[in-house]
């Protein structure tokens, strides 16, 4: 999928790990955050579809206000990471959210997110469900709705920009079209 890097660029890149461990997005979350998201509070069921409380801006304001006391709301904005993931060679499926392009419209910086539309059409996932990537050689993406497998070395670092915050970063070694398995 990604163009081959030049020999000089390859020489400056750390050695590619022999094996990448396939993980799923929940593997990046501390157990307390995952538990909170898997057990949403009852008040969410009381919000009527289409009501003012159901609007994204209202949800964001409520999340910020409630985050201090509500474990579920805290998990929605959590920057907590799993420290043991730092330095791990992983493979994860995800969608690309472009952040920067080169002069020839190659994507050179992006977020990897667990679902289509995150950060663009819907609020971003928690920062511990976003991975930031700088990819200087750049690549073209056929469509934002096509998921990819990304393999690389994960780093635990908080990266913030106008679009979202990411609690992880990755040095990508390989991008492949997504397929089950």
N, C-alpha and C. Protein backbone atom coordinates (compact mmCIF):
# COMPACT_ATOMS: atom_id res chain seq x y z
N UNK A 1 0.82 -1.19 0.00
CA UNK A 1 0.00 0.00 0.00
C UNK A 1 0.86 1.26 0.00
N UNK A 2 1.83 1.33 0.92
CA UNK A 2 2.69 2.51 0.98
C UNK A 2 3.83 2.34 0.00
N UNK A 3 4.30 3.46 -0.59
CA UNK A 3 5.42 3.35 -1.51
C UNK A 3 6.68 2.93 -0.77
N UNK A 4 7.55 2.26 -1.49
CA UNK A 4 8.81 1.82 -0.89
C UNK A 4 9.67 3.03 -0.57
N UNK A 5 10.31 3.00 0.58
CA UNK A 5 11.19 4.09 0.97
C UNK A 5 12.50 3.97 0.20
N UNK A 6 13.17 5.09 0.02
CA UNK A 6 14.46 5.07 -0.66
C UNK A 6 15.49 4.39 0.22
N UNK A 7 16.59 3.98 -0.37
CA UNK A 7 17.64 3.28 0.38
C UNK A 7 18.18 4.16 1.51
N UNK A 8 18.34 5.47 1.26
CA UNK A 8 18.87 6.34 2.31
C UNK A 8 17.87 6.48 3.45
N UNK A 9 16.58 6.57 3.14
CA UNK A 9 15.57 6.66 4.19
C UNK A 9 15.53 5.36 4.99
N UNK A 10 15.66 4.23 4.30
CA UNK A 10 15.64 2.94 4.99
C UNK A 10 16.85 2.80 5.91
N UNK A 11 17.98 3.35 5.51
CA UNK A 11 19.19 3.25 6.33
C UNK A 11 19.05 4.04 7.63
N UNK A 12 18.24 5.11 7.63
CA UNK A 12 18.06 5.93 8.82
C UNK A 12 16.98 5.39 9.74
N UNK A 13 16.20 4.44 9.26
CA UNK A 13 15.11 3.88 10.05
C UNK A 13 15.62 2.75 10.92
N UNK A 14 15.16 2.67 12.18
CA UNK A 14 15.57 1.54 13.02
C UNK A 14 15.17 0.22 12.37
N UNK A 15 15.86 -0.82 12.74
CA UNK A 15 15.58 -2.14 12.17
C UNK A 15 14.13 -2.53 12.40
N UNK A 16 13.55 -3.15 11.41
CA UNK A 16 12.17 -3.62 11.51
C UNK A 16 12.12 -4.82 12.44
N UNK A 17 11.18 -4.80 13.39
CA UNK A 17 11.05 -5.98 14.27
C UNK A 17 10.73 -7.22 13.44
N UNK A 18 11.13 -8.38 13.95
CA UNK A 18 10.88 -9.64 13.24
C UNK A 18 9.40 -9.98 13.22
N UNK A 19 8.68 -9.60 14.27
CA UNK A 19 7.29 -10.01 14.40
C UNK A 19 6.49 -8.89 15.05
N UNK A 20 5.26 -8.70 14.55
CA UNK A 20 4.34 -7.73 15.11
C UNK A 20 3.19 -8.48 15.76
N UNK A 21 2.89 -8.15 17.00
CA UNK A 21 1.79 -8.81 17.71
C UNK A 21 0.48 -8.10 17.33
N UNK A 22 -0.48 -8.86 16.82
CA UNK A 22 -1.79 -8.30 16.47
C UNK A 22 -2.55 -8.02 17.76
N UNK A 23 -3.00 -6.76 17.89
CA UNK A 23 -3.79 -6.37 19.06
C UNK A 23 -5.12 -5.78 18.59
N UNK A 24 -6.02 -5.60 19.54
CA UNK A 24 -7.29 -4.94 19.30
C UNK A 24 -7.30 -3.63 20.08
N UNK A 25 -8.16 -2.72 19.70
CA UNK A 25 -8.20 -1.40 20.33
C UNK A 25 -8.37 -1.44 21.85
N UNK A 26 -9.22 -2.30 22.40
CA UNK A 26 -9.34 -2.33 23.87
C UNK A 26 -8.03 -2.68 24.58
N UNK A 27 -7.10 -3.33 23.87
CA UNK A 27 -5.81 -3.66 24.48
C UNK A 27 -5.01 -2.42 24.86
N UNK A 28 -5.36 -1.27 24.31
CA UNK A 28 -4.65 -0.02 24.61
C UNK A 28 -5.22 0.69 25.84
N UNK A 29 -6.35 0.23 26.34
CA UNK A 29 -7.03 0.90 27.45
C UNK A 29 -6.72 0.23 28.78
N UNK A 30 -6.50 1.03 29.82
CA UNK A 30 -6.42 0.44 31.15
C UNK A 30 -7.76 -0.23 31.48
N UNK A 31 -7.73 -1.29 32.27
CA UNK A 31 -8.94 -2.06 32.56
C UNK A 31 -10.05 -1.21 33.17
N UNK A 32 -9.70 -0.24 34.03
CA UNK A 32 -10.75 0.58 34.66
C UNK A 32 -11.49 1.43 33.63
N UNK A 33 -10.80 1.92 32.60
CA UNK A 33 -11.47 2.68 31.54
C UNK A 33 -12.37 1.76 30.72
N UNK A 34 -11.87 0.60 30.37
CA UNK A 34 -12.66 -0.36 29.60
C UNK A 34 -13.90 -0.78 30.38
N UNK A 35 -13.74 -1.08 31.66
CA UNK A 35 -14.89 -1.46 32.49
C UNK A 35 -15.94 -0.35 32.53
N UNK A 36 -15.49 0.89 32.66
CA UNK A 36 -16.43 2.02 32.72
C UNK A 36 -17.21 2.17 31.42
N UNK A 37 -16.55 2.00 30.29
CA UNK A 37 -17.22 2.14 28.99
C UNK A 37 -18.15 0.97 28.69
N UNK A 38 -17.82 -0.20 29.21
CA UNK A 38 -18.67 -1.38 28.99
C UNK A 38 -19.89 -1.40 29.90
N UNK A 39 -19.91 -0.51 30.89
CA UNK A 39 -21.04 -0.43 31.83
C UNK A 39 -21.53 1.01 31.91
N UNK A 40 -22.16 1.50 30.82
CA UNK A 40 -22.58 2.92 30.80
C UNK A 40 -23.64 3.20 31.87
N UNK A 41 -23.66 4.43 32.36
CA UNK A 41 -24.64 4.79 33.38
C UNK A 41 -26.07 4.75 32.83
N UNK A 42 -27.02 4.51 33.74
CA UNK A 42 -28.42 4.40 33.34
C UNK A 42 -28.98 5.68 32.76
N UNK A 43 -28.46 6.84 33.16
CA UNK A 43 -29.02 8.10 32.66
C UNK A 43 -28.90 8.24 31.15
N UNK A 44 -27.97 7.52 30.53
CA UNK A 44 -27.84 7.59 29.07
C UNK A 44 -29.07 7.03 28.36
N UNK A 45 -29.71 6.04 28.97
CA UNK A 45 -30.91 5.44 28.37
C UNK A 45 -32.09 6.41 28.41
N UNK A 46 -32.03 7.41 29.29
CA UNK A 46 -33.13 8.37 29.43
C UNK A 46 -33.06 9.50 28.41
N UNK A 47 -32.00 9.57 27.61
CA UNK A 47 -31.87 10.63 26.61
C UNK A 47 -32.64 10.22 25.36
N UNK A 48 -33.63 11.01 25.01
CA UNK A 48 -34.48 10.71 23.85
C UNK A 48 -33.75 11.08 22.56
N UNK A 49 -33.82 10.18 21.57
CA UNK A 49 -33.22 10.45 20.27
C UNK A 49 -33.76 11.75 19.69
N UNK A 50 -32.85 12.61 19.23
CA UNK A 50 -33.25 13.87 18.61
C UNK A 50 -33.50 15.00 19.59
N UNK A 51 -33.46 14.72 20.88
CA UNK A 51 -33.69 15.76 21.88
C UNK A 51 -32.47 16.66 21.97
N UNK A 52 -32.61 17.85 22.59
CA UNK A 52 -31.43 18.73 22.75
C UNK A 52 -30.27 18.03 23.47
N UNK A 53 -30.58 17.16 24.41
CA UNK A 53 -29.52 16.44 25.14
C UNK A 53 -28.79 15.44 24.25
N UNK A 54 -29.43 15.06 23.12
CA UNK A 54 -28.86 14.09 22.21
C UNK A 54 -27.90 14.73 21.21
N UNK A 55 -27.86 16.04 21.14
CA UNK A 55 -27.01 16.75 20.18
C UNK A 55 -25.55 16.66 20.62
N UNK A 56 -24.66 16.61 19.66
CA UNK A 56 -23.23 16.44 19.94
C UNK A 56 -22.71 17.55 20.86
N UNK A 57 -23.07 18.80 20.58
CA UNK A 57 -22.55 19.90 21.40
C UNK A 57 -23.01 19.76 22.84
N UNK A 58 -24.24 19.30 23.04
CA UNK A 58 -24.75 19.09 24.38
C UNK A 58 -24.02 17.94 25.05
N UNK A 59 -23.74 16.88 24.28
CA UNK A 59 -23.04 15.73 24.84
C UNK A 59 -21.63 16.12 25.27
N UNK A 60 -20.96 16.93 24.48
CA UNK A 60 -19.60 17.35 24.82
C UNK A 60 -19.62 18.21 26.09
N UNK A 61 -20.54 19.17 26.16
CA UNK A 61 -20.65 20.02 27.35
C UNK A 61 -20.97 19.19 28.58
N UNK A 62 -21.90 18.25 28.44
CA UNK A 62 -22.25 17.39 29.57
C UNK A 62 -21.08 16.53 29.99
N UNK A 63 -20.34 16.03 29.01
CA UNK A 63 -19.18 15.19 29.32
C UNK A 63 -18.15 15.96 30.13
N UNK A 64 -17.88 17.19 29.71
CA UNK A 64 -16.89 18.01 30.42
C UNK A 64 -17.36 18.31 31.83
N UNK A 65 -18.63 18.68 31.97
CA UNK A 65 -19.18 19.02 33.29
C UNK A 65 -19.22 17.81 34.21
N UNK A 66 -19.60 16.66 33.66
CA UNK A 66 -19.78 15.46 34.48
C UNK A 66 -18.49 14.69 34.71
N UNK A 67 -17.47 14.97 33.93
CA UNK A 67 -16.26 14.16 33.96
C UNK A 67 -15.61 14.09 35.33
N UNK A 68 -15.79 15.11 36.13
CA UNK A 68 -15.15 15.13 37.44
C UNK A 68 -15.68 14.04 38.36
N UNK A 69 -16.98 13.71 38.24
CA UNK A 69 -17.60 12.78 39.17
C UNK A 69 -18.06 11.47 38.53
N UNK A 70 -18.04 11.38 37.24
CA UNK A 70 -18.64 10.26 36.53
C UNK A 70 -17.55 9.43 35.85
N UNK A 71 -17.33 8.21 36.32
CA UNK A 71 -16.26 7.35 35.79
C UNK A 71 -16.44 7.08 34.30
N UNK A 72 -17.69 6.94 33.83
CA UNK A 72 -17.96 6.72 32.42
C UNK A 72 -17.50 7.93 31.60
N UNK A 73 -17.87 9.13 32.03
CA UNK A 73 -17.47 10.35 31.32
C UNK A 73 -15.96 10.53 31.36
N UNK A 74 -15.33 10.17 32.47
CA UNK A 74 -13.86 10.24 32.56
C UNK A 74 -13.22 9.32 31.53
N UNK A 75 -13.79 8.12 31.36
CA UNK A 75 -13.23 7.16 30.41
C UNK A 75 -13.35 7.67 28.97
N UNK A 76 -14.38 8.48 28.68
CA UNK A 76 -14.57 9.02 27.34
C UNK A 76 -13.48 10.01 26.93
N UNK A 77 -12.76 10.55 27.89
CA UNK A 77 -11.71 11.53 27.60
C UNK A 77 -10.35 11.11 28.19
N UNK A 78 -10.23 9.85 28.54
CA UNK A 78 -9.05 9.36 29.25
C UNK A 78 -7.77 9.39 28.41
N UNK A 79 -6.72 9.90 29.04
CA UNK A 79 -5.38 9.84 28.45
C UNK A 79 -4.56 8.73 29.12
N UNK A 80 -5.19 7.96 29.99
CA UNK A 80 -4.49 6.86 30.68
C UNK A 80 -4.07 5.80 29.67
N UNK A 81 -2.87 5.32 29.82
CA UNK A 81 -2.32 4.34 28.88
C UNK A 81 -1.95 3.06 29.62
N UNK A 82 -1.58 2.07 28.85
CA UNK A 82 -1.02 0.84 29.40
C UNK A 82 0.49 0.94 29.21
N UNK A 83 1.24 1.26 30.27
CA UNK A 83 2.67 1.49 30.14
C UNK A 83 3.43 0.33 29.49
N UNK A 84 2.95 -0.87 29.68
CA UNK A 84 3.64 -2.04 29.11
C UNK A 84 3.55 -2.07 27.58
N UNK A 85 2.70 -1.22 26.98
CA UNK A 85 2.61 -1.15 25.52
C UNK A 85 3.75 -0.33 24.92
N UNK A 86 4.44 0.47 25.72
CA UNK A 86 5.53 1.30 25.23
C UNK A 86 6.64 0.43 24.64
N UNK A 87 7.00 0.71 23.39
CA UNK A 87 8.07 -0.02 22.72
C UNK A 87 7.64 -1.34 22.10
N UNK A 88 6.36 -1.66 22.18
CA UNK A 88 5.87 -2.94 21.63
C UNK A 88 5.72 -2.86 20.11
N UNK A 89 6.09 -3.93 19.44
CA UNK A 89 5.89 -4.07 17.99
C UNK A 89 4.50 -4.67 17.80
N UNK A 90 3.58 -3.85 17.29
CA UNK A 90 2.18 -4.27 17.19
C UNK A 90 1.66 -4.17 15.76
N UNK A 91 0.54 -4.83 15.55
CA UNK A 91 -0.23 -4.75 14.30
C UNK A 91 -1.65 -4.48 14.74
N UNK A 92 -2.28 -3.42 14.18
CA UNK A 92 -3.63 -3.03 14.59
C UNK A 92 -4.42 -2.56 13.38
N UNK A 93 -5.71 -2.92 13.31
CA UNK A 93 -6.52 -2.40 12.21
C UNK A 93 -7.04 -1.02 12.59
N UNK A 94 -7.22 -0.17 11.60
CA UNK A 94 -7.76 1.15 11.92
C UNK A 94 -8.06 1.97 10.68
N UNK A 95 -8.62 3.13 10.94
CA UNK A 95 -8.96 4.09 9.90
C UNK A 95 -8.02 5.28 10.01
N UNK A 96 -7.72 5.88 8.88
CA UNK A 96 -6.80 7.01 8.81
C UNK A 96 -7.57 8.32 8.89
N UNK A 97 -7.09 9.22 9.75
CA UNK A 97 -7.58 10.60 9.81
C UNK A 97 -6.39 11.47 9.42
N UNK A 98 -6.35 11.96 8.18
CA UNK A 98 -5.20 12.75 7.74
C UNK A 98 -5.06 14.06 8.52
N UNK A 99 -3.82 14.42 8.83
CA UNK A 99 -3.54 15.68 9.52
C UNK A 99 -2.69 16.61 8.66
N UNK A 100 -1.69 16.06 7.96
CA UNK A 100 -0.81 16.87 7.11
C UNK A 100 -0.53 16.14 5.81
N UNK A 101 -0.31 16.95 4.77
CA UNK A 101 -0.01 16.42 3.44
C UNK A 101 1.27 17.05 2.92
N UNK A 102 1.95 16.33 2.03
CA UNK A 102 3.10 16.90 1.34
C UNK A 102 2.58 17.72 0.16
N UNK A 103 3.49 18.37 -0.56
CA UNK A 103 3.11 19.18 -1.70
C UNK A 103 2.40 18.40 -2.79
N UNK A 104 2.69 17.09 -2.89
CA UNK A 104 2.02 16.28 -3.91
C UNK A 104 0.85 15.47 -3.34
N UNK A 105 0.27 15.98 -2.26
CA UNK A 105 -0.91 15.41 -1.61
C UNK A 105 -0.73 14.00 -1.05
N UNK A 106 0.49 13.69 -0.63
CA UNK A 106 0.74 12.45 0.07
C UNK A 106 0.50 12.71 1.56
N UNK A 107 -0.17 11.79 2.25
CA UNK A 107 -0.43 11.95 3.68
C UNK A 107 0.88 11.69 4.43
N UNK A 108 1.31 12.68 5.22
CA UNK A 108 2.58 12.56 5.95
C UNK A 108 2.41 12.54 7.47
N UNK A 109 1.23 12.89 7.94
CA UNK A 109 0.93 12.84 9.38
C UNK A 109 -0.55 12.51 9.51
N UNK A 110 -0.86 11.60 10.45
CA UNK A 110 -2.25 11.17 10.59
C UNK A 110 -2.50 10.54 11.94
N UNK A 111 -3.78 10.37 12.25
CA UNK A 111 -4.21 9.58 13.39
C UNK A 111 -4.70 8.24 12.86
N UNK A 112 -4.51 7.19 13.64
CA UNK A 112 -5.16 5.91 13.42
C UNK A 112 -6.26 5.83 14.48
N UNK A 113 -7.49 5.54 14.04
CA UNK A 113 -8.63 5.48 14.96
C UNK A 113 -9.39 4.17 14.74
N UNK A 114 -10.17 3.76 15.75
CA UNK A 114 -10.84 2.45 15.66
C UNK A 114 -12.08 2.40 14.78
N UNK A 115 -12.67 3.55 14.44
CA UNK A 115 -13.89 3.51 13.64
C UNK A 115 -13.91 4.65 12.64
N UNK A 116 -14.61 4.42 11.53
CA UNK A 116 -14.71 5.41 10.46
C UNK A 116 -15.44 6.66 10.95
N UNK A 117 -14.95 7.81 10.54
CA UNK A 117 -15.59 9.08 10.87
C UNK A 117 -15.12 9.70 12.16
N UNK A 118 -14.34 8.98 12.95
CA UNK A 118 -13.85 9.51 14.22
C UNK A 118 -13.04 10.78 13.95
N UNK A 119 -13.26 11.80 14.74
CA UNK A 119 -12.56 13.09 14.67
C UNK A 119 -13.06 13.96 13.51
N UNK A 120 -13.75 13.38 12.54
CA UNK A 120 -14.20 14.15 11.38
C UNK A 120 -15.71 14.36 11.45
N UNK A 121 -16.47 13.27 11.49
CA UNK A 121 -17.93 13.35 11.46
C UNK A 121 -18.56 13.19 12.84
N UNK A 122 -17.84 12.58 13.74
CA UNK A 122 -18.34 12.35 15.09
C UNK A 122 -17.24 12.72 16.08
N UNK A 123 -17.58 12.91 17.35
CA UNK A 123 -16.52 13.24 18.31
C UNK A 123 -15.43 12.17 18.31
N UNK A 124 -14.22 12.58 18.66
CA UNK A 124 -13.11 11.61 18.66
C UNK A 124 -13.29 10.58 19.77
N UNK A 125 -12.68 9.42 19.58
CA UNK A 125 -12.65 8.44 20.67
C UNK A 125 -11.74 8.98 21.78
N UNK A 126 -11.71 8.30 22.92
CA UNK A 126 -10.80 8.74 23.98
C UNK A 126 -9.36 8.78 23.45
N UNK A 127 -8.52 9.66 23.98
CA UNK A 127 -7.13 9.72 23.53
C UNK A 127 -6.40 8.38 23.60
N UNK A 128 -6.79 7.51 24.55
CA UNK A 128 -6.12 6.20 24.62
C UNK A 128 -6.66 5.22 23.57
N UNK A 129 -7.47 5.74 22.65
CA UNK A 129 -7.96 4.97 21.51
C UNK A 129 -7.57 5.65 20.20
N UNK A 130 -6.56 6.52 20.26
CA UNK A 130 -6.05 7.22 19.08
C UNK A 130 -4.53 7.07 19.06
N UNK A 131 -4.01 6.75 17.87
CA UNK A 131 -2.57 6.62 17.69
C UNK A 131 -2.12 7.68 16.67
N UNK A 132 -1.11 8.44 17.03
CA UNK A 132 -0.56 9.49 16.16
C UNK A 132 0.61 8.92 15.37
N UNK A 133 0.67 9.29 14.08
CA UNK A 133 1.76 8.80 13.22
C UNK A 133 2.31 9.94 12.39
N UNK A 134 3.64 10.06 12.35
CA UNK A 134 4.33 10.90 11.36
C UNK A 134 4.95 9.94 10.37
N UNK A 135 4.66 10.16 9.09
CA UNK A 135 5.10 9.24 8.04
C UNK A 135 5.72 10.06 6.93
N UNK A 136 6.97 10.52 7.11
CA UNK A 136 7.59 11.49 6.19
C UNK A 136 7.58 11.08 4.72
N UNK A 137 7.71 9.78 4.43
CA UNK A 137 7.71 9.37 3.02
C UNK A 137 6.35 9.52 2.38
N UNK A 138 5.30 9.58 3.20
CA UNK A 138 3.95 9.83 2.70
C UNK A 138 3.35 8.66 1.95
N UNK A 139 2.03 8.68 1.83
CA UNK A 139 1.30 7.67 1.09
C UNK A 139 -0.02 8.25 0.63
N UNK A 140 -0.58 7.64 -0.39
CA UNK A 140 -1.89 8.02 -0.91
C UNK A 140 -2.91 7.06 -0.33
N UNK A 141 -4.09 7.58 -0.04
CA UNK A 141 -5.17 6.76 0.49
C UNK A 141 -6.34 6.84 -0.49
N UNK A 142 -6.81 5.68 -0.92
CA UNK A 142 -7.91 5.63 -1.89
C UNK A 142 -9.18 6.24 -1.32
N UNK A 143 -9.54 5.86 -0.09
CA UNK A 143 -10.76 6.36 0.54
C UNK A 143 -10.63 6.28 2.05
N UNK A 144 -11.14 7.28 2.74
CA UNK A 144 -11.06 7.31 4.21
C UNK A 144 -11.81 6.16 4.85
N UNK A 145 -12.83 5.64 4.17
CA UNK A 145 -13.65 4.58 4.76
C UNK A 145 -13.05 3.19 4.59
N UNK A 146 -11.88 3.09 3.97
CA UNK A 146 -11.19 1.80 3.83
C UNK A 146 -10.23 1.62 5.00
N UNK A 147 -10.46 0.61 5.85
CA UNK A 147 -9.53 0.38 6.97
C UNK A 147 -8.23 -0.23 6.47
N UNK A 148 -7.20 -0.08 7.26
CA UNK A 148 -5.87 -0.63 6.97
C UNK A 148 -5.37 -1.41 8.17
N UNK A 149 -4.45 -2.31 7.94
CA UNK A 149 -3.65 -2.90 9.00
C UNK A 149 -2.38 -2.07 9.06
N UNK A 150 -2.02 -1.61 10.25
CA UNK A 150 -0.77 -0.87 10.43
C UNK A 150 0.10 -1.64 11.41
N UNK A 151 1.35 -1.85 11.02
CA UNK A 151 2.32 -2.54 11.86
C UNK A 151 3.45 -1.59 12.17
N UNK A 152 3.83 -1.55 13.43
CA UNK A 152 4.91 -0.66 13.83
C UNK A 152 5.20 -0.74 15.31
N UNK A 153 6.05 0.16 15.75
CA UNK A 153 6.45 0.20 17.16
C UNK A 153 5.69 1.31 17.86
N UNK A 154 5.01 0.95 18.92
CA UNK A 154 4.16 1.87 19.67
C UNK A 154 4.96 2.60 20.73
N UNK A 155 4.63 3.87 20.93
CA UNK A 155 5.23 4.69 21.98
C UNK A 155 4.10 5.32 22.78
N UNK A 156 4.26 5.39 24.09
CA UNK A 156 3.26 6.03 24.94
C UNK A 156 3.68 7.48 25.14
N UNK A 157 2.96 8.37 24.44
CA UNK A 157 3.26 9.80 24.51
C UNK A 157 1.97 10.55 24.18
N UNK A 158 1.71 11.62 24.90
CA UNK A 158 0.51 12.41 24.65
C UNK A 158 0.81 13.44 23.56
N UNK A 159 0.04 13.37 22.47
CA UNK A 159 0.15 14.31 21.35
C UNK A 159 -1.20 15.00 21.23
N UNK A 160 -1.23 16.33 21.24
CA UNK A 160 -2.48 17.07 21.12
C UNK A 160 -2.40 18.03 19.94
N UNK A 161 -3.53 18.14 19.23
CA UNK A 161 -3.65 19.15 18.19
C UNK A 161 -5.08 19.66 18.18
N UNK A 162 -5.43 20.48 17.20
CA UNK A 162 -6.77 21.07 17.16
C UNK A 162 -7.87 20.03 16.95
N UNK A 163 -7.55 18.91 16.36
CA UNK A 163 -8.57 17.90 16.04
C UNK A 163 -8.83 16.96 17.21
N UNK A 164 -7.78 16.52 17.88
CA UNK A 164 -7.93 15.53 18.96
C UNK A 164 -6.60 15.38 19.70
N UNK A 165 -6.64 14.55 20.72
CA UNK A 165 -5.43 14.18 21.47
C UNK A 165 -5.23 12.68 21.30
N UNK A 166 -3.98 12.26 21.21
CA UNK A 166 -3.63 10.85 21.11
C UNK A 166 -2.69 10.50 22.26
N UNK A 167 -2.96 9.38 22.91
CA UNK A 167 -2.12 8.94 24.02
C UNK A 167 -1.00 8.00 23.56
N UNK A 168 -1.02 7.66 22.27
CA UNK A 168 0.00 6.79 21.71
C UNK A 168 0.51 7.37 20.40
N UNK A 169 1.71 6.95 20.04
CA UNK A 169 2.31 7.29 18.76
C UNK A 169 2.87 5.99 18.19
N UNK A 170 3.03 5.93 16.88
CA UNK A 170 3.57 4.71 16.27
C UNK A 170 4.55 5.06 15.17
N UNK A 171 5.64 4.32 15.14
CA UNK A 171 6.54 4.36 14.00
C UNK A 171 6.10 3.23 13.09
N UNK A 172 5.42 3.59 12.01
CA UNK A 172 4.84 2.59 11.11
C UNK A 172 5.92 1.96 10.23
N UNK A 173 5.93 0.64 10.18
CA UNK A 173 6.85 -0.11 9.33
C UNK A 173 6.14 -0.71 8.12
N UNK A 174 4.82 -0.96 8.26
CA UNK A 174 4.09 -1.62 7.19
C UNK A 174 2.62 -1.23 7.24
N UNK A 175 2.05 -0.93 6.05
CA UNK A 175 0.61 -0.68 5.91
C UNK A 175 0.08 -1.67 4.89
N UNK A 176 -1.05 -2.28 5.23
CA UNK A 176 -1.67 -3.26 4.34
C UNK A 176 -3.17 -3.00 4.29
N UNK A 177 -3.79 -3.34 3.17
CA UNK A 177 -5.24 -3.29 3.10
C UNK A 177 -5.80 -4.22 4.18
N UNK A 178 -6.90 -3.81 4.76
CA UNK A 178 -7.51 -4.61 5.83
C UNK A 178 -8.22 -5.83 5.26
N UNK A 179 -8.04 -6.94 5.93
CA UNK A 179 -8.82 -8.13 5.67
C UNK A 179 -8.95 -8.85 7.02
N UNK A 180 -10.00 -9.60 7.19
CA UNK A 180 -10.19 -10.34 8.45
C UNK A 180 -9.04 -11.31 8.65
N UNK A 181 -8.61 -11.40 9.91
CA UNK A 181 -7.60 -12.42 10.22
C UNK A 181 -6.22 -11.97 10.35
